[in-house]
Protein backbone atom coordinates (compact mmCIF):
# COMPACT_ATOMS: atom_id res chain seq x y z
CA MET A 1 -62.02 -21.55 1.22
CA SER A 2 -61.84 -21.26 -2.53
CA SER A 3 -58.89 -21.94 -4.78
CA GLN A 4 -58.45 -18.20 -5.28
CA ASP A 5 -58.06 -17.74 -1.50
CA ILE A 6 -55.43 -20.48 -1.42
CA PHE A 7 -53.63 -18.79 -4.32
CA TYR A 8 -53.59 -15.47 -2.40
CA TRP A 9 -52.22 -17.19 0.72
CA VAL A 10 -49.49 -18.91 -1.28
CA ALA A 11 -48.69 -15.67 -3.15
CA ALA A 12 -48.49 -13.75 0.14
CA PHE A 13 -46.23 -16.42 1.64
CA ALA A 14 -44.01 -16.35 -1.47
CA ALA A 15 -43.88 -12.54 -1.38
CA LEU A 16 -42.88 -12.73 2.29
CA TRP A 17 -40.04 -15.15 1.47
CA ILE A 18 -38.92 -13.00 -1.45
CA ALA A 19 -38.88 -9.92 0.81
CA PHE A 20 -36.92 -11.86 3.45
CA PHE A 21 -34.43 -13.09 0.84
CA LEU A 22 -33.95 -9.62 -0.66
CA SER A 23 -33.43 -8.14 2.82
CA TRP A 24 -30.88 -10.82 3.65
CA LEU A 25 -29.15 -10.28 0.29
CA LEU A 26 -28.98 -6.52 0.87
CA TYR A 27 -27.52 -7.12 4.35
CA ARG A 28 -24.86 -9.46 2.94
CA ILE A 29 -23.95 -6.98 0.20
CA ALA A 30 -23.59 -4.19 2.79
CA ALA A 31 -21.40 -6.44 4.96
CA LEU A 32 -19.29 -7.30 1.92
CA PHE A 33 -18.78 -3.62 1.08
CA LYS A 34 -17.84 -2.92 4.70
CA HIS A 35 -15.29 -5.72 4.58
CA ILE A 36 -13.90 -4.49 1.26
CA SER A 37 -13.65 -0.97 2.68
CA ALA A 38 -11.64 -2.26 5.65
CA ILE A 39 -9.32 -4.16 3.32
CA ILE A 40 -8.79 -1.08 1.15
CA GLU A 41 -8.01 1.02 4.24
CA ASP A 42 -5.48 -1.59 5.39
CA VAL A 43 -3.85 -1.68 1.94
CA ARG A 44 -3.64 2.12 1.90
CA SER A 45 -2.00 2.09 5.32
CA GLN A 46 0.53 -0.52 4.21
CA MET A 47 1.26 1.41 1.01
CA GLU A 48 1.84 4.59 3.03
CA LYS A 49 4.28 2.72 5.28
CA LEU A 50 6.04 1.34 2.20
CA GLU A 51 6.27 4.79 0.61
CA ASN A 52 7.74 6.19 3.84
CA ALA A 53 10.29 3.37 3.99
CA VAL A 54 11.32 3.93 0.36
CA SER A 55 11.56 7.67 0.96
CA ASP A 56 13.73 7.13 4.05
CA PHE A 57 15.90 4.71 2.05
CA LYS A 58 16.36 7.30 -0.71
CA ILE A 59 17.31 9.96 1.84
CA SER A 60 19.77 7.56 3.46
CA LEU A 61 21.19 6.61 0.08
CA ASN A 62 21.63 10.27 -0.91
CA SER A 63 23.28 11.02 2.42
CA GLY A 64 25.63 8.07 1.97
CA GLU A 65 26.37 9.21 -1.57
CA GLU A 66 27.35 12.66 -0.30
CA ARG A 67 29.62 11.17 2.36
CA LEU A 68 31.20 8.80 -0.15
CA SER A 69 31.75 11.67 -2.57
CA LYS A 70 33.50 13.70 0.14
CA MET A 71 35.63 10.70 1.05
CA VAL A 72 36.62 10.07 -2.57
CA ASN A 73 37.50 13.73 -3.09
CA TYR A 74 39.59 13.68 0.09
CA ILE A 75 41.42 10.54 -1.03
CA LYS A 76 41.97 12.03 -4.49
CA SER A 77 43.44 15.16 -2.96
CA LYS A 78 45.76 13.12 -0.73
CA VAL A 79 46.83 10.87 -3.61
CA SER A 80 47.51 13.85 -5.86
CA VAL A 81 49.51 15.55 -3.08
CA ASP A 82 51.50 12.34 -2.51
CA ASP A 83 52.10 12.01 -6.26
CA ARG A 84 53.39 15.58 -6.43
CA GLU A 85 55.67 15.03 -3.44
CA SER A 86 57.05 11.80 -4.91
CA ASP A 87 57.61 13.59 -8.24
CA LYS A 88 59.56 16.30 -6.38
CA GLU A 89 61.68 13.67 -4.62
CA ILE A 90 62.51 11.96 -7.92
CA ASN A 91 63.60 15.22 -9.57
């Protein structure tokens, strides 16, 4: 066996290890992207839940505002009626 044959065997072995390493690296990159995709999907789901909660809170707040406005108007009308009646009693 000549030195050139030994060189070819070593080069083939090195090429095999390089191919194995590149295959493993590609597999790890694909697994990483799959993991990142799952995380992004989870974040999107959580953001959607948060948006729904904020939307429900706004609706509840607007509904409460309408009720409070009606209550204030009712109290104003009663107070103004009472003021008019007390003014009539004084005169």
